Amino acid sequence: MEVLQLAEAFADCSVFFMTYRGQTAFDRKNTYYLQNFAKNPLTLIPGIAKILYVFLKERPSLLFSTGAEIAIPAFYIGKFLFRTKLIYLECSAQVYAPSLTGRCVYAIADLFLVQWESLLKRYGPRATYAGGLV
């Protein structure tokens, strides 16, 4: 839902979504659904295959995420196999402690944004305070 609140920022771009099918998933065109491998680690391998398929089809030049563990393999595949630029926006719910996803992608993100100043010291110099974006 946070990404949808920022949709205007990407109005002039060709956009696709990757998400989990579930209670919070939405039916939109240009959306690819993966199994939630956080709930079932056995779905990680088919999930990686689907991410590769989607990236070969879509050829993204930029990946943007507000979290969820789906961003971890997507960011690493995008960065190292497709030379994709990465923007990560830490979820607004993360006020004092970094998320697991944020910690995993911090080192490779081209732009790493936090919405709370208190997270700057928890992440380090590569993090940028962006204020409440969502």
Protein backbone atom coordinates (compact mmCIF):
# COMPACT_ATOMS: atom_id res chain seq x y z
CA MET A 1 0.00 0.00 0.00
CA GLU A 2 2.88 2.38 0.67
CA VAL A 3 4.13 1.99 -2.89
CA LEU A 4 0.70 2.82 -4.27
CA GLN A 5 0.69 6.05 -2.24
CA LEU A 6 3.81 7.07 -4.16
CA ALA A 7 2.42 6.16 -7.60
CA GLU A 8 2.43 9.79 -8.80
CA ALA A 9 6.22 9.86 -8.56
CA PHE A 10 6.33 7.16 -11.24
CA ALA A 11 3.54 8.51 -13.47
CA ASP A 12 5.83 8.99 -16.48
CA CYS A 13 7.46 5.56 -16.14
CA SER A 14 6.63 2.11 -17.34
CA VAL A 15 5.75 0.37 -14.07
CA PHE A 16 5.18 -3.21 -12.99
CA PHE A 17 4.63 -4.69 -9.54
CA MET A 18 5.87 -7.85 -7.85
CA THR A 19 4.08 -8.86 -4.71
CA TYR A 20 2.66 -11.80 -2.82
CA ARG A 21 -0.82 -13.00 -3.50
CA GLY A 22 -2.72 -12.75 -0.25
CA GLN A 23 -5.08 -10.68 1.80
CA THR A 24 -3.17 -7.46 1.18
CA ALA A 25 -2.42 -8.10 -2.49
CA PHE A 26 -4.27 -6.13 -5.10
CA ASP A 27 -5.41 -6.97 -8.60
CA ARG A 28 -3.73 -4.54 -10.96
CA LYS A 29 -2.50 -4.92 -14.47
CA ASN A 30 1.26 -5.32 -14.78
CA THR A 31 1.40 -7.24 -11.49
CA TYR A 32 3.33 -10.45 -10.95
CA TYR A 33 2.54 -12.63 -7.94
CA LEU A 34 4.96 -14.83 -6.04
CA GLN A 35 4.45 -17.31 -3.24
CA ASN A 36 5.38 -15.92 0.16
CA PHE A 37 8.71 -17.62 0.79
CA ALA A 38 8.92 -16.12 4.28
CA LYS A 39 6.04 -18.39 5.22
CA ASN A 40 7.31 -21.34 3.21
CA PRO A 41 11.07 -21.34 2.47
CA LEU A 42 10.60 -24.12 -0.10
CA THR A 43 9.02 -21.56 -2.42
CA LEU A 44 12.22 -19.48 -2.52
CA ILE A 45 13.72 -21.37 -5.49
CA PRO A 46 10.61 -21.06 -7.70
CA GLY A 47 10.36 -17.44 -6.49
CA ILE A 48 13.88 -16.67 -7.71
CA ALA A 49 13.05 -18.32 -11.05
CA LYS A 50 9.96 -16.14 -11.38
CA ILE A 51 11.92 -12.99 -10.51
CA LEU A 52 14.43 -13.88 -13.23
CA TYR A 53 11.60 -14.48 -15.71
CA VAL A 54 9.96 -11.15 -14.87
CA PHE A 55 13.23 -9.22 -15.14
CA LEU A 56 14.05 -10.85 -18.49
CA LYS A 57 10.60 -9.90 -19.75
CA GLU A 58 10.40 -6.38 -18.27
CA ARG A 59 14.09 -5.33 -18.31
CA PRO A 60 13.75 -2.88 -15.40
CA SER A 61 16.17 0.04 -15.19
CA LEU A 62 15.08 0.85 -11.63
CA LEU A 63 13.71 -1.18 -8.73
CA PHE A 64 11.88 0.54 -5.89
CA SER A 65 10.74 -1.12 -2.69
CA THR A 66 9.33 -0.21 0.70
CA GLY A 67 10.19 -3.54 2.19
CA ALA A 68 9.01 -7.11 2.53
CA GLU A 69 11.48 -9.91 2.07
CA ILE A 70 10.59 -10.22 -1.63
CA ALA A 71 12.87 -7.21 -2.18
CA ILE A 72 15.96 -9.07 -1.00
CA PRO A 73 16.36 -11.54 -3.90
CA ALA A 74 14.85 -9.04 -6.36
CA PHE A 75 17.39 -6.37 -5.43
CA TYR A 76 20.37 -8.73 -5.58
CA ILE A 77 19.27 -10.22 -8.90
CA GLY A 78 18.53 -6.76 -10.30
CA LYS A 79 21.81 -5.28 -9.12
CA PHE A 80 24.22 -8.04 -10.10
CA LEU A 81 22.57 -9.65 -13.13
CA PHE A 82 20.75 -6.70 -14.71
CA ARG A 83 22.73 -3.69 -13.40
CA THR A 84 19.49 -2.15 -12.22
CA LYS A 85 19.46 0.99 -10.05
CA LEU A 86 17.96 0.34 -6.61
CA ILE A 87 15.92 2.66 -4.41
CA TYR A 88 14.82 1.41 -1.03
CA LEU A 89 12.42 3.33 1.20
CA GLU A 90 12.31 1.97 4.74
CA CYS A 91 8.73 1.30 5.80
CA SER A 92 7.15 4.10 7.80
CA ALA A 93 6.43 1.63 10.61
CA GLN A 94 10.17 1.28 11.24
CA VAL A 95 10.76 4.15 13.66
CA TYR A 96 13.61 2.97 15.89
CA ALA A 97 14.87 -0.34 14.53
CA PRO A 98 15.93 -1.26 11.00
CA SER A 99 13.89 -3.90 9.23
CA LEU A 100 15.42 -7.21 8.20
CA THR A 101 14.91 -6.30 4.54
CA GLY A 102 16.50 -2.89 5.05
CA ARG A 103 19.55 -4.44 6.69
CA CYS A 104 19.90 -6.93 3.84
CA VAL A 105 19.70 -4.40 0.99
CA TYR A 106 21.37 -1.38 2.63
CA ALA A 107 24.83 -2.15 1.24
CA ILE A 108 23.69 -2.49 -2.38
CA ALA A 109 20.98 0.18 -2.65
CA ASP A 110 21.87 3.16 -4.82
CA LEU A 111 19.55 5.32 -2.75
CA PHE A 112 18.48 4.25 0.73
CA LEU A 113 15.77 6.40 2.33
CA VAL A 114 14.41 6.42 5.87
CA GLN A 115 11.27 8.22 7.02
CA TRP A 116 12.42 8.75 10.61
CA GLU A 117 15.57 10.61 11.66
CA SER A 118 16.07 8.11 14.48
CA LEU A 119 17.00 5.48 11.88
CA LEU A 120 19.91 7.47 10.46
CA LYS A 121 22.23 6.51 13.30
CA ARG A 122 21.02 2.89 13.17
CA TYR A 123 21.85 2.53 9.47
CA GLY A 124 24.83 4.77 8.87
CA PRO A 125 26.08 7.31 6.35
CA ARG A 126 24.52 5.76 3.25
CA ALA A 127 20.99 6.34 4.60
CA THR A 128 19.17 9.53 3.72
CA TYR A 129 16.38 11.04 5.79
CA ALA A 130 13.44 11.75 3.48
CA GLY A 131 10.75 12.66 6.01
CA GLY A 132 7.30 11.12 6.05
CA LEU A 133 6.76 10.20 2.41
CA VAL A 134 3.79 7.93 3.00
